[in-house]
Amino acid sequence: MRSPAVLRTATVDDAAAVAQLWAGAMASRDAEPMVGDATTIISASACDPNSRVVVAELEGVVVGAAYLVATTMSPVNLQPVVQLISPNVASGFRGRGLGQALLESAVAYADERGIAHVASAAPNGSREANRFMARLGLRPVATLRVAPVSVLRSKLTARQPRSMAASRQLSQVLAARRTSRRNQITSV
């Protein structure tokens, strides 16, 4: 039997619980910075008319959270959408309708704003989350890929034709020689 959950807008008092729920998605893995980040997110959301952090409470305990933001599909597709970011339910409370309640809050938020679409993302490796989203009618539209700049730079450099890399190296050598000559002339 599904217990009735209370959905409400998060307050900064919920930051520790929200940080715990979002631990897998947050940049830090240490509790104190995660709670600080969650506090910042909740505070910013409270001041932003286009966003909201929603929590699901069961018997007074926060067991689910999601970040809602009214925005556009992308910077080049200006169709309005409500993004449901990091919807998460604590592992011991899954299967009780809380995830569905978080999605219903996104639908209600979209209705409030006259927006026709809701978008969400689930971790690539989370089969359970992706199946849940698919069962509710959310289909994949894009794959977001991320890489550190240093890794991407080294991969791009490695893929350059040798003549470009050699020409870049030659340019650097010639520039160093010109600088050296300039320094010799000015010191004479």
C-alpha atoms as a PDB file:
ATOM      1  CA  MET A   1       0.000   0.000   0.000  1.00  0.00           C
ATOM      2  CA  ARG A   2       1.244   3.468  -0.879  1.00  0.00           C
ATOM      3  CA  SER A   3       1.549   5.887   2.009  1.00  0.00           C
ATOM      4  CA  PRO A   4       0.383   9.431   1.414  1.00  0.00           C
ATOM      5  CA  ALA A   5       3.370  11.668   0.812  1.00  0.00           C
ATOM      6  CA  VAL A   6       3.411  15.369   1.460  1.00  0.00           C
ATOM      7  CA  LEU A   7       4.997  17.369  -1.350  1.00  0.00           C
ATOM      8  CA  ARG A   8       6.140  20.873  -0.569  1.00  0.00           C
ATOM      9  CA  THR A   9       8.665  23.517  -1.562  1.00  0.00           C
ATOM     10  CA  ALA A  10      11.992  22.912   0.155  1.00  0.00           C
ATOM     11  CA  THR A  11      13.362  25.238   2.802  1.00  0.00           C
ATOM     12  CA  VAL A  12      16.985  25.669   3.891  1.00  0.00           C
ATOM     13  CA  ASP A  13      16.133  23.422   6.875  1.00  0.00           C
ATOM     14  CA  ASP A  14      15.847  20.577   4.318  1.00  0.00           C
ATOM     15  CA  ALA A  15      19.376  21.110   2.952  1.00  0.00           C
ATOM     16  CA  ALA A  16      20.997  18.138   4.735  1.00  0.00           C
ATOM     17  CA  ALA A  17      18.299  15.723   3.544  1.00  0.00           C
ATOM     18  CA  VAL A  18      18.355  17.141   0.010  1.00  0.00           C
ATOM     19  CA  ALA A  19      22.162  16.896  -0.104  1.00  0.00           C
ATOM     20  CA  GLN A  20      21.960  13.250   0.922  1.00  0.00           C
ATOM     21  CA  LEU A  21      19.384  12.523  -1.795  1.00  0.00           C
ATOM     22  CA  TRP A  22      21.416  14.346  -4.447  1.00  0.00           C
ATOM     23  CA  ALA A  23      24.820  13.024  -3.325  1.00  0.00           C
ATOM     24  CA  GLY A  24      25.378  11.127  -6.584  1.00  0.00           C
ATOM     25  CA  ALA A  25      24.740  14.227  -8.699  1.00  0.00           C
ATOM     26  CA  MET A  26      26.614  16.843  -6.682  1.00  0.00           C
ATOM     27  CA  ALA A  27      30.189  17.917  -7.384  1.00  0.00           C
ATOM     28  CA  SER A  28      31.516  17.296  -3.892  1.00  0.00           C
ATOM     29  CA  ARG A  29      31.489  13.958  -2.110  1.00  0.00           C
ATOM     30  CA  ASP A  30      32.042  15.464   1.356  1.00  0.00           C
ATOM     31  CA  ALA A  31      28.964  16.050   3.514  1.00  0.00           C
ATOM     32  CA  GLU A  32      29.684  19.624   4.611  1.00  0.00           C
ATOM     33  CA  PRO A  33      30.233  21.098   1.110  1.00  0.00           C
ATOM     34  CA  MET A  34      27.220  19.142  -0.201  1.00  0.00           C
ATOM     35  CA  VAL A  35      24.970  20.616   2.512  1.00  0.00           C
ATOM     36  CA  GLY A  36      26.390  24.068   1.721  1.00  0.00           C
ATOM     37  CA  ASP A  37      25.681  23.559  -1.989  1.00  0.00           C
ATOM     38  CA  ALA A  38      22.150  22.307  -1.246  1.00  0.00           C
ATOM     39  CA  THR A  39      21.546  25.356   0.972  1.00  0.00           C
ATOM     40  CA  THR A  40      22.737  27.636  -1.854  1.00  0.00           C
ATOM     41  CA  ILE A  41      20.528  25.852  -4.401  1.00  0.00           C
ATOM     42  CA  ILE A  42      17.437  25.991  -2.185  1.00  0.00           C
ATOM     43  CA  SER A  43      18.034  29.664  -1.296  1.00  0.00           C
ATOM     44  CA  ALA A  44      18.587  30.651  -4.935  1.00  0.00           C
ATOM     45  CA  SER A  45      15.492  28.746  -5.980  1.00  0.00           C
ATOM     46  CA  ALA A  46      13.402  30.553  -3.360  1.00  0.00           C
ATOM     47  CA  CYS A  47      14.417  33.874  -4.978  1.00  0.00           C
ATOM     48  CA  ASP A  48      13.963  32.698  -8.576  1.00  0.00           C
ATOM     49  CA  PRO A  49      10.396  32.743  -9.935  1.00  0.00           C
ATOM     50  CA  ASN A  50      11.443  30.208 -12.605  1.00  0.00           C
ATOM     51  CA  SER A  51      12.658  27.473 -10.278  1.00  0.00           C
ATOM     52  CA  ARG A  52      11.563  25.434  -7.305  1.00  0.00           C
ATOM     53  CA  VAL A  53      13.045  22.659  -5.175  1.00  0.00           C
ATOM     54  CA  VAL A  54      10.351  20.187  -4.191  1.00  0.00           C
ATOM     55  CA  VAL A  55      10.670  17.638  -1.400  1.00  0.00           C
ATOM     56  CA  ALA A  56       8.549  14.599  -0.628  1.00  0.00           C
ATOM     57  CA  GLU A  57       7.946  13.927   3.041  1.00  0.00           C
ATOM     58  CA  LEU A  58       6.740  10.703   4.521  1.00  0.00           C
ATOM     59  CA  GLU A  59       5.804  10.784   8.203  1.00  0.00           C
ATOM     60  CA  GLY A  60       7.751  14.028   8.629  1.00  0.00           C
ATOM     61  CA  VAL A  61      10.964  12.725   7.015  1.00  0.00           C
ATOM     62  CA  VAL A  62      12.242  14.110   3.690  1.00  0.00           C
ATOM     63  CA  VAL A  63      12.631  11.027   1.483  1.00  0.00           C
ATOM     64  CA  GLY A  64      12.520  12.558  -1.998  1.00  0.00           C
ATOM     65  CA  ALA A  65      13.613  15.709  -3.780  1.00  0.00           C
ATOM     66  CA  ALA A  66      13.639  17.265  -7.234  1.00  0.00           C
ATOM     67  CA  TYR A  67      14.678  20.589  -8.732  1.00  0.00           C
ATOM     68  CA  LEU A  68      12.183  22.159 -11.157  1.00  0.00           C
ATOM     69  CA  VAL A  69      13.130  24.932 -13.544  1.00  0.00           C
ATOM     70  CA  ALA A  70      11.046  26.640 -16.215  1.00  0.00           C
ATOM     71  CA  THR A  71      13.357  27.290 -19.142  1.00  0.00           C
ATOM     72  CA  THR A  72      13.696  26.480 -22.845  1.00  0.00           C
ATOM     73  CA  MET A  73      14.485  23.136 -24.467  1.00  0.00           C
ATOM     74  CA  SER A  74      17.967  24.454 -25.286  1.00  0.00           C
ATOM     75  CA  PRO A  75      19.647  27.755 -26.119  1.00  0.00           C
ATOM     76  CA  VAL A  76      18.771  27.151 -29.791  1.00  0.00           C
ATOM     77  CA  ASN A  77      15.320  25.571 -29.284  1.00  0.00           C
ATOM     78  CA  LEU A  78      13.275  28.220 -27.499  1.00  0.00           C
ATOM     79  CA  GLN A  79      10.265  25.995 -26.861  1.00  0.00           C
ATOM     80  CA  PRO A  80       9.341  26.328 -23.153  1.00  0.00           C
ATOM     81  CA  VAL A  81       9.900  23.297 -20.936  1.00  0.00           C
ATOM     82  CA  VAL A  82       9.968  22.441 -17.267  1.00  0.00           C
ATOM     83  CA  GLN A  83      13.164  20.575 -16.493  1.00  0.00           C
ATOM     84  CA  LEU A  84      12.881  18.039 -13.708  1.00  0.00           C
ATOM     85  CA  ILE A  85      16.443  17.836 -12.415  1.00  0.00           C
ATOM     86  CA  SER A  86      17.751  15.137 -10.074  1.00  0.00           C
ATOM     87  CA  PRO A  87      14.459  13.583  -9.029  1.00  0.00           C
ATOM     88  CA  ASN A  88      15.501  11.137  -6.355  1.00  0.00           C
ATOM     89  CA  VAL A  89      13.828   9.003  -3.715  1.00  0.00           C
ATOM     90  CA  ALA A  90      15.757   7.454  -0.827  1.00  0.00           C
ATOM     91  CA  SER A  91      16.439   3.792  -1.575  1.00  0.00           C
ATOM     92  CA  GLY A  92      14.387   2.422   1.329  1.00  0.00           C
ATOM     93  CA  PHE A  93      11.311   4.340   0.150  1.00  0.00           C
ATOM     94  CA  ARG A  94      11.197   3.459  -3.536  1.00  0.00           C
ATOM     95  CA  GLY A  95       8.157   1.703  -4.946  1.00  0.00           C
ATOM     96  CA  ARG A  96       5.753   3.736  -2.807  1.00  0.00           C
ATOM     97  CA  GLY A  97       4.726   6.242  -5.474  1.00  0.00           C
ATOM     98  CA  LEU A  98       7.097   9.000  -4.340  1.00  0.00           C
ATOM     99  CA  GLY A  99       8.929   9.217  -7.667  1.00  0.00           C
ATOM    100  CA  GLN A 100       5.611   9.490  -9.434  1.00  0.00           C
ATOM    101  CA  ALA A 101       4.567  12.215  -6.981  1.00  0.00           C
ATOM    102  CA  LEU A 102       7.736  14.192  -7.818  1.00  0.00           C
ATOM    103  CA  LEU A 103       6.909  13.895 -11.518  1.00  0.00           C
ATOM    104  CA  GLU A 104       3.343  14.979 -10.804  1.00  0.00           C
ATOM    105  CA  SER A 105       4.771  18.090  -9.110  1.00  0.00           C
ATOM    106  CA  ALA A 106       6.664  18.844 -12.348  1.00  0.00           C
ATOM    107  CA  VAL A 107       3.444  18.441 -14.350  1.00  0.00           C
ATOM    108  CA  ALA A 108       1.585  20.744 -11.944  1.00  0.00           C
ATOM    109  CA  TYR A 109       4.404  23.312 -12.166  1.00  0.00           C
ATOM    110  CA  ALA A 110       4.263  23.149 -15.976  1.00  0.00           C
ATOM    111  CA  ASP A 111       0.466  23.591 -15.880  1.00  0.00           C
ATOM    112  CA  GLU A 112       0.826  26.621 -13.563  1.00  0.00           C
ATOM    113  CA  ARG A 113       3.096  28.249 -16.123  1.00  0.00           C
ATOM    114  CA  GLY A 114       1.244  27.151 -19.274  1.00  0.00           C
ATOM    115  CA  ILE A 115       4.170  25.003 -20.419  1.00  0.00           C
ATOM    116  CA  ALA A 116       3.396  21.960 -22.567  1.00  0.00           C
ATOM    117  CA  HIS A 117       6.517  19.820 -21.953  1.00  0.00           C
ATOM    118  CA  VAL A 118       8.463  18.328 -19.063  1.00  0.00           C
ATOM    119  CA  ALA A 119      12.027  17.120 -19.567  1.00  0.00           C
ATOM    120  CA  SER A 120      14.147  15.077 -17.211  1.00  0.00           C
ATOM    121  CA  ALA A 121      17.425  13.243 -17.175  1.00  0.00           C
ATOM    122  CA  ALA A 122      18.503  10.063 -15.492  1.00  0.00           C
ATOM    123  CA  PRO A 123      22.048   8.811 -15.012  1.00  0.00           C
ATOM    124  CA  ASN A 124      23.164   6.823 -18.042  1.00  0.00           C
ATOM    125  CA  GLY A 125      24.012   3.778 -15.932  1.00  0.00           C
ATOM    126  CA  SER A 126      20.806   3.775 -13.895  1.00  0.00           C
ATOM    127  CA  ARG A 127      18.635   1.189 -15.569  1.00  0.00           C
ATOM    128  CA  GLU A 128      15.921   1.524 -12.910  1.00  0.00           C
ATOM    129  CA  ALA A 129      15.646   5.323 -13.308  1.00  0.00           C
ATOM    130  CA  ASN A 130      15.658   5.172 -17.099  1.00  0.00           C
ATOM    131  CA  ARG A 131      12.977   2.473 -17.172  1.00  0.00           C
ATOM    132  CA  PHE A 132      10.866   4.461 -14.703  1.00  0.00           C
ATOM    133  CA  MET A 133      11.074   7.561 -16.917  1.00  0.00           C
ATOM    134  CA  ALA A 134      10.284   5.537 -20.049  1.00  0.00           C
ATOM    135  CA  ARG A 135       7.207   3.950 -18.440  1.00  0.00           C
ATOM    136  CA  LEU A 136       5.888   7.448 -17.742  1.00  0.00           C
ATOM    137  CA  GLY A 137       6.302   8.496 -21.377  1.00  0.00           C
ATOM    138  CA  LEU A 138       9.564  10.433 -21.227  1.00  0.00           C
ATOM    139  CA  ARG A 139      11.594   9.510 -24.289  1.00  0.00           C
ATOM    140  CA  PRO A 140      15.280  10.115 -24.963  1.00  0.00           C
ATOM    141  CA  VAL A 141      15.951  13.242 -27.012  1.00  0.00           C
ATOM    142  CA  ALA A 142      19.690  13.751 -26.575  1.00  0.00           C
ATOM    143  CA  THR A 143      22.727  12.342 -24.836  1.00  0.00           C
ATOM    144  CA  LEU A 144      24.707  14.764 -22.715  1.00  0.00           C
ATOM    145  CA  ARG A 145      28.409  13.954 -22.762  1.00  0.00           C
ATOM    146  CA  VAL A 146      30.967  15.559 -20.459  1.00  0.00           C
ATOM    147  CA  ALA A 147      34.781  15.496 -20.387  1.00  0.00           C
ATOM    148  CA  PRO A 148      37.445  17.432 -18.478  1.00  0.00           C
ATOM    149  CA  VAL A 149      38.992  20.178 -20.641  1.00  0.00           C
ATOM    150  CA  SER A 150      42.475  18.692 -20.207  1.00  0.00           C
ATOM    151  CA  VAL A 151      41.342  15.288 -21.512  1.00  0.00           C
ATOM    152  CA  LEU A 152      39.471  16.822 -24.430  1.00  0.00           C
ATOM    153  CA  ARG A 153      42.444  19.056 -25.316  1.00  0.00           C
ATOM    154  CA  SER A 154      44.865  16.098 -25.343  1.00  0.00           C
ATOM    155  CA  LYS A 155      42.472  14.019 -27.467  1.00  0.00           C
ATOM    156  CA  LEU A 156      41.984  16.853 -29.952  1.00  0.00           C
ATOM    157  CA  THR A 157      45.732  17.478 -30.164  1.00  0.00           C
ATOM    158  CA  ALA A 158      46.352  13.778 -30.762  1.00  0.00           C
ATOM    159  CA  ARG A 159      43.807  13.798 -33.608  1.00  0.00           C
ATOM    160  CA  GLN A 160      45.385  16.753 -35.438  1.00  0.00           C
ATOM    161  CA  PRO A 161      47.212  15.872 -38.630  1.00  0.00           C
ATOM    162  CA  ARG A 162      50.964  15.676 -38.015  1.00  0.00           C
ATOM    163  CA  SER A 163      51.595  18.573 -40.376  1.00  0.00           C
ATOM    164  CA  MET A 164      49.452  20.884 -38.204  1.00  0.00           C
ATOM    165  CA  ALA A 165      51.201  19.790 -35.006  1.00  0.00           C
ATOM    166  CA  ALA A 166      54.624  20.153 -36.669  1.00  0.00           C
ATOM    167  CA  SER A 167      53.681  23.559 -38.047  1.00  0.00           C
ATOM    168  CA  ARG A 168      52.533  24.687 -34.572  1.00  0.00           C
ATOM    169  CA  GLN A 169      55.816  23.487 -33.072  1.00  0.00           C
ATOM    170  CA  LEU A 170      57.822  25.251 -35.813  1.00  0.00           C
ATOM    171  CA  SER A 171      55.875  28.474 -35.166  1.00  0.00           C
ATOM    172  CA  GLN A 172      56.712  28.254 -31.474  1.00  0.00           C
ATOM    173  CA  VAL A 173      60.436  27.722 -32.224  1.00  0.00           C
ATOM    174  CA  LEU A 174      60.493  30.670 -34.657  1.00  0.00           C
ATOM    175  CA  ALA A 175      58.692  32.901 -32.143  1.00  0.00           C
ATOM    176  CA  ALA A 176      61.233  31.973 -29.466  1.00  0.00           C
ATOM    177  CA  ARG A 177      64.095  32.809 -31.862  1.00  0.00           C
ATOM    178  CA  ARG A 178      62.554  36.214 -32.724  1.00  0.00           C
ATOM    179  CA  THR A 179      62.160  37.021 -29.040  1.00  0.00           C
ATOM    180  CA  SER A 180      65.756  35.982 -28.386  1.00  0.00           C
ATOM    181  CA  ARG A 181      67.022  38.167 -31.248  1.00  0.00           C
ATOM    182  CA  ARG A 182      64.951  41.125 -30.025  1.00  0.00           C
ATOM    183  CA  ASN A 183      66.400  40.728 -26.555  1.00  0.00           C
ATOM    184  CA  GLN A 184      69.963  40.624 -27.970  1.00  0.00           C
ATOM    185  CA  ILE A 185      69.420  43.769 -30.052  1.00  0.00           C
ATOM    186  CA  THR A 186      67.931  45.773 -27.188  1.00  0.00           C
ATOM    187  CA  SER A 187      70.724  44.765 -24.791  1.00  0.00           C
ATOM    188  CA  VAL A 188      73.475  45.949 -27.215  1.00  0.00           C
END
